[in-house]
Protein backbone atom coordinates (compact mmCIF):
# COMPACT_ATOMS: atom_id res chain seq x y z
CA MET A 1 103.01 -22.21 -66.25
CA LEU A 2 100.28 -20.72 -63.78
CA ASN A 3 100.06 -21.51 -60.36
CA ALA A 4 97.04 -23.22 -59.00
CA VAL A 5 97.29 -23.38 -55.02
CA ILE A 6 95.45 -25.98 -52.98
CA ALA A 7 94.39 -25.31 -49.45
CA THR A 8 95.04 -28.95 -47.95
CA LYS A 9 97.02 -30.43 -44.82
CA HIS A 10 96.58 -34.09 -46.31
CA LYS A 11 99.33 -34.00 -49.24
CA LYS A 12 96.85 -33.65 -52.08
CA ALA A 13 98.78 -31.78 -54.61
CA PRO A 14 100.85 -34.52 -56.06
CA LEU A 15 97.52 -36.70 -56.60
CA ILE A 16 96.23 -33.68 -58.69
CA ALA A 17 99.03 -32.20 -60.22
CA PRO A 18 99.74 -34.74 -63.12
CA ALA A 19 96.32 -34.27 -64.60
CA LEU A 20 96.44 -30.46 -64.54
CA LYS A 21 100.11 -29.91 -65.55
CA PRO A 22 99.53 -30.65 -69.48
CA LEU A 23 97.05 -27.63 -69.37
CA GLY A 24 99.76 -25.32 -68.24
CA TYR A 25 98.85 -25.43 -64.31
CA ASN A 26 101.59 -25.70 -61.55
CA VAL A 27 99.74 -27.09 -58.34
CA VAL A 28 101.11 -25.88 -55.13
CA THR A 29 100.03 -26.29 -51.53
CA THR A 30 99.14 -23.71 -49.19
CA SER A 31 98.92 -24.36 -45.54
CA LEU A 32 97.68 -20.81 -44.61
CA PHE A 33 93.93 -22.20 -44.35
CA ASP A 34 93.34 -24.59 -41.94
CA THR A 35 90.76 -27.15 -43.71
CA ASP A 36 89.98 -29.10 -40.77
CA THR A 37 87.79 -26.30 -39.52
CA LEU A 38 85.19 -27.41 -42.43
CA GLY A 39 85.09 -30.96 -40.81
CA MET A 40 87.20 -33.94 -40.06
CA PHE A 41 86.76 -37.48 -40.84
CA THR A 42 87.44 -38.36 -37.13
CA ASN A 43 84.28 -36.28 -36.25
CA GLU A 44 85.85 -34.15 -34.06
CA VAL A 45 84.65 -31.43 -36.10
CA GLN A 46 81.40 -31.93 -38.10
CA ARG A 47 80.94 -30.95 -41.67
CA ASP A 48 78.06 -28.57 -41.69
CA CYS A 49 77.92 -28.16 -45.75
CA SER A 50 77.90 -30.33 -48.59
CA ALA A 51 81.25 -31.66 -49.99
CA GLN A 52 80.78 -29.21 -53.08
CA ILE A 53 80.32 -26.21 -50.83
CA ALA A 54 83.29 -27.14 -48.62
CA ALA A 55 85.62 -27.70 -52.01
CA LEU A 56 84.60 -24.08 -53.05
CA ILE A 57 85.57 -22.59 -49.73
CA LYS A 58 88.97 -24.39 -49.73
CA ALA A 59 89.51 -22.97 -53.28
CA GLN A 60 88.47 -19.35 -52.30
CA GLN A 61 90.39 -18.96 -49.62
CA ALA A 62 93.68 -20.60 -51.42
CA CYS A 63 93.15 -17.74 -53.55
CA GLU A 64 92.49 -14.97 -50.77
CA LEU A 65 95.37 -15.68 -48.43
CA THR A 66 97.85 -16.48 -51.11
CA GLY A 67 96.81 -13.87 -53.75
CA GLU A 68 96.88 -16.37 -56.55
CA GLN A 69 94.23 -16.17 -59.31
CA TYR A 70 93.63 -19.88 -59.22
CA GLY A 71 92.61 -21.82 -56.32
CA LEU A 72 92.06 -25.48 -55.70
CA GLY A 73 89.78 -27.25 -52.89
CA SER A 74 89.11 -31.07 -52.42
CA GLU A 75 86.74 -32.88 -50.43
CA GLY A 76 85.61 -36.38 -50.04
CA SER A 77 82.45 -38.10 -48.73
CA PHE A 78 81.46 -41.54 -47.93
CA GLY A 79 78.36 -43.62 -47.97
CA GLY A 80 75.37 -43.71 -50.47
CA GLY A 81 76.67 -44.82 -53.92
CA PRO A 82 74.84 -46.95 -56.16
CA TYR A 83 74.38 -49.74 -53.63
CA PRO A 84 73.77 -47.89 -50.42
CA GLY A 85 74.01 -50.43 -47.60
CA LEU A 86 75.65 -53.03 -49.28
CA MET A 87 78.84 -51.30 -50.50
CA ASN A 88 80.77 -48.42 -48.93
CA TRP A 89 81.57 -45.78 -51.65
CA ASP A 90 83.64 -42.64 -51.91
CA GLU A 91 82.88 -39.75 -53.73
CA GLU A 92 85.34 -37.07 -54.52
CA VAL A 93 85.05 -33.38 -55.83
CA ILE A 94 87.67 -31.13 -56.75
CA CYS A 95 86.94 -27.56 -57.34
CA PHE A 96 88.83 -25.24 -59.52
CA TYR A 97 88.22 -21.38 -58.71
CA ASP A 98 88.96 -18.41 -60.75
CA LYS A 99 89.16 -15.33 -58.51
CA ARG A 100 89.00 -12.88 -61.40
CA THR A 101 86.03 -14.30 -62.79
CA ASP A 102 84.41 -15.87 -59.85
CA ILE A 103 83.97 -18.88 -61.88
CA ALA A 104 83.84 -22.52 -60.22
CA ILE A 105 84.42 -25.73 -62.16
CA TYR A 106 84.11 -29.15 -60.46
CA GLY A 107 85.65 -32.30 -61.23
CA HIS A 108 83.80 -35.57 -59.63
CA ALA A 109 84.82 -39.35 -59.49
CA GLY A 110 83.69 -42.03 -57.22
CA GLY A 111 84.22 -45.54 -56.35
CA PRO A 112 83.85 -48.51 -53.98
CA PHE A 113 85.78 -48.26 -50.87
CA SER A 114 86.82 -51.61 -49.21
CA PRO A 115 88.51 -51.04 -45.81
CA SER A 116 85.93 -51.29 -43.17
CA SER A 117 85.96 -50.89 -39.40
CA LEU A 118 86.25 -53.36 -36.61
CA THR A 119 84.90 -53.15 -33.23
CA ILE A 120 86.93 -54.15 -30.45
CA ASN A 121 85.84 -56.25 -27.55
CA SER A 122 87.48 -58.99 -25.24
CA GLU A 123 87.77 -61.49 -28.01
CA THR A 124 89.54 -59.26 -30.52
CA ASN A 125 93.30 -60.26 -31.08
CA VAL A 126 95.95 -59.92 -33.55
CA GLU A 127 94.71 -62.76 -35.48
CA SER A 128 91.32 -60.93 -35.97
CA ILE A 129 92.91 -57.64 -36.79
CA THR A 130 95.17 -59.17 -39.41
CA VAL A 131 92.01 -60.84 -41.33
CA ALA A 132 90.13 -57.38 -41.30
CA CYS A 133 93.22 -54.84 -42.06
CA GLN A 134 96.33 -56.73 -43.59
CA ARG A 135 95.27 -56.93 -47.08
CA PHE A 136 94.75 -53.07 -47.39
CA LYS A 137 98.43 -52.56 -47.71
CA GLU A 138 98.21 -48.48 -48.57
CA GLN A 139 95.55 -48.16 -45.73
CA HIS A 140 96.49 -46.59 -42.17
CA TRP A 141 93.99 -46.83 -39.40
CA ILE A 142 93.00 -45.09 -36.48
CA LEU A 143 92.63 -47.00 -32.74
CA ASP A 144 89.98 -45.49 -30.57
CA ASP A 145 90.35 -47.27 -26.98
CA THR A 146 87.34 -45.04 -25.52
CA GLN A 147 90.06 -42.91 -23.92
CA THR A 148 92.73 -41.79 -26.84
CA LEU A 149 92.43 -41.63 -30.44
CA PHE A 150 95.60 -42.96 -32.13
CA LYS A 151 95.59 -41.69 -35.86
CA GLY A 152 97.65 -42.56 -38.84
CA LEU A 153 98.87 -45.93 -37.69
CA SER A 154 100.18 -48.25 -40.53
CA PHE A 155 99.03 -52.11 -40.23
CA GLU A 156 102.29 -52.83 -38.45
CA GLY A 157 102.07 -49.75 -36.10
CA LEU A 158 98.29 -50.69 -35.44
CA VAL A 159 99.28 -54.55 -34.33
CA ALA A 160 101.93 -52.90 -32.09
CA LEU A 161 99.89 -50.66 -30.58
CA PHE A 162 97.24 -53.09 -29.92
CA LYS A 163 99.57 -55.46 -28.23
CA GLU A 164 100.90 -52.58 -26.06
CA LYS A 165 97.41 -51.30 -25.00
CA VAL A 166 95.41 -54.58 -25.20
CA PRO A 167 92.29 -52.67 -25.27
CA LYS A 168 88.95 -54.80 -24.36
CA ALA A 169 86.81 -51.85 -26.03
CA GLY A 170 86.81 -49.35 -28.75
CA ILE A 171 86.96 -49.47 -32.44
CA ILE A 172 89.34 -49.62 -35.34
CA THR A 173 88.41 -47.39 -38.14
CA PRO A 174 90.13 -46.60 -41.83
CA ASP A 175 92.25 -43.27 -41.36
CA LEU A 176 90.35 -41.64 -44.43
CA ARG A 177 92.93 -38.44 -44.65
CA ALA A 178 93.81 -38.54 -48.38
CA MET A 179 97.65 -39.20 -47.50
CA TYR A 180 96.78 -42.43 -45.47
CA SER A 181 94.34 -44.07 -47.58
CA GLY A 182 95.33 -45.65 -51.00
CA GLN A 183 92.11 -46.30 -52.34
CA ARG A 184 91.09 -42.78 -51.90
CA GLN A 185 94.02 -41.34 -53.61
CA ALA A 186 93.10 -43.48 -56.74
CA ILE A 187 89.75 -41.85 -56.55
CA ILE A 188 90.98 -38.28 -56.10
CA ARG A 189 93.27 -38.86 -59.12
CA LEU A 190 90.04 -39.70 -61.19
CA ALA A 191 88.51 -36.80 -60.03
CA ALA A 192 91.51 -34.43 -61.19
CA GLU A 193 91.56 -36.22 -64.47
CA ASP A 194 87.78 -35.31 -64.94
CA LEU A 195 88.27 -31.55 -63.95
CA ALA A 196 91.35 -31.45 -66.46
CA ARG A 197 88.60 -32.73 -69.23
CA ARG A 198 86.34 -30.01 -68.27
CA LEU A 199 89.01 -27.11 -68.01
CA ALA A 200 90.31 -28.35 -71.60
CA SER A 201 86.74 -28.27 -73.10
CA LYS A 202 86.04 -24.82 -74.43
CA CYS A 203 82.78 -23.41 -75.68
CA PRO A 204 83.01 -22.70 -79.27
CA GLN A 205 81.28 -19.55 -78.86
CA CYS A 206 82.84 -17.89 -76.07
CA GLN A 207 85.77 -20.30 -75.19
CA CYS A 208 84.82 -20.45 -71.59
CA ALA A 209 85.86 -23.82 -70.30
CA ASN A 210 83.50 -26.60 -68.85
CA PHE A 211 81.65 -27.35 -72.15
CA VAL A 212 80.86 -30.70 -71.71
CA ALA A 213 77.62 -33.00 -71.61
CA LYS A 214 75.59 -31.66 -68.62
CA GLN A 215 72.06 -33.07 -69.86
CA LEU A 216 71.21 -36.47 -71.08
CA THR A 217 67.74 -37.23 -72.82
CA LYS A 218 67.04 -40.96 -72.64
CA GLY A 219 64.34 -42.91 -74.73
CA LEU A 220 66.39 -44.67 -77.37
CA PRO A 221 63.75 -46.90 -78.99
CA CYS A 222 63.87 -50.45 -78.68
CA GLU A 223 65.31 -52.39 -81.79
CA LEU A 224 62.38 -54.84 -81.60
CA CYS A 225 59.17 -53.03 -80.56
CA ASN A 226 60.38 -49.33 -81.29
CA MET A 227 59.16 -48.16 -77.68
CA PRO A 228 61.24 -45.96 -75.67
CA THR A 229 63.83 -47.17 -73.29
CA GLN A 230 65.95 -45.81 -70.48
CA GLN A 231 68.88 -45.52 -72.66
CA VAL A 232 70.60 -42.26 -73.74
CA LYS A 233 68.92 -40.87 -76.74
CA SER A 234 71.08 -37.78 -76.90
CA THR A 235 73.40 -35.66 -74.81
CA THR A 236 73.34 -31.87 -74.67
CA SER A 237 76.71 -29.95 -74.10
CA LEU A 238 76.10 -26.63 -72.45
CA CYS A 239 77.93 -23.56 -71.62
CA ASP A 240 77.55 -21.95 -68.21
CA SER A 241 79.01 -18.60 -69.38
CA CYS A 242 76.90 -17.80 -72.75
CA GLY A 243 74.41 -20.45 -72.67
CA TYR A 244 75.45 -21.85 -76.22
CA ASN A 245 74.24 -25.51 -76.36
CA HIS A 246 75.13 -28.50 -78.68
CA ILE A 247 72.82 -31.43 -78.91
CA GLU A 248 74.76 -34.73 -79.99
CA ALA A 249 72.83 -37.72 -80.89
CA ASN A 250 73.68 -41.32 -79.47
CA GLU A 251 75.69 -43.07 -82.37
CA LYS A 252 73.40 -45.97 -81.85
CA HIS A 253 69.97 -45.55 -83.28
CA VAL A 254 68.13 -48.23 -81.47
CA ALA A 255 68.69 -49.62 -78.12
CA ASP A 256 69.17 -53.40 -77.45
CA ALA A 257 66.28 -55.35 -76.44
CA THR A 258 67.79 -56.38 -73.03
CA TYR A 259 67.18 -53.04 -71.91
CA CYS A 260 63.68 -52.62 -73.04
CA GLN A 261 61.05 -52.56 -70.12
CA PHE A 262 58.43 -53.84 -72.46
CA CYS A 263 60.66 -56.80 -74.47
CA ASN A 264 62.20 -57.57 -71.36
CA PRO A 265 60.40 -56.60 -68.39
């Protein structure tokens, strides 16, 4: 087994390891790099780079500080998604970095994130907290009473602390650190599976990894009027190392008229 070391403070290794183990990688954790210096979900430290760059820095630092060839970095972002303003969205990226070749490969996954914040006012009570938070069983919480930030609270711990403090102002927010968020953990696992798929997909010409579909060509003709639609006509797998590419046509030769802007505007 080859070690792939991940720089994390938030127990991400068990989420990623099952996907990479069949490929011969043993995911181990290092705490030598303080990942909070790149940003914190509580906004105590603002992230000033993209999630992909943050994941790359973590993976590179994991290699530099441990001397291992392979490093991993994981980063999440909230907001945006396919329904901005209507649904909160979690986008996760995992970087696999090979120090010897200086090549980085990224796995991605995204999905809806249900837990939301609750503003505290004079009418906030245990019943309103229960309605907002209790159904998210694997989610922990942060209570900010405007003076102190209480992190990593289970639902029971949140209720107990609220009864003790009885704050009249502040906010209750989901604790978005990976070990405290069940929904985020599920999406990290999906990103790890995407990364494993990319690592296992080898270029037929040079055998480098990440030979997957990277370009989509739309324009599959409508089954009724033969006009081009937004449906995918072909995909192009591309090697980042040698440039070899392979075009694969859609198994379907025509698109359902449902997707035609002329037949079904």
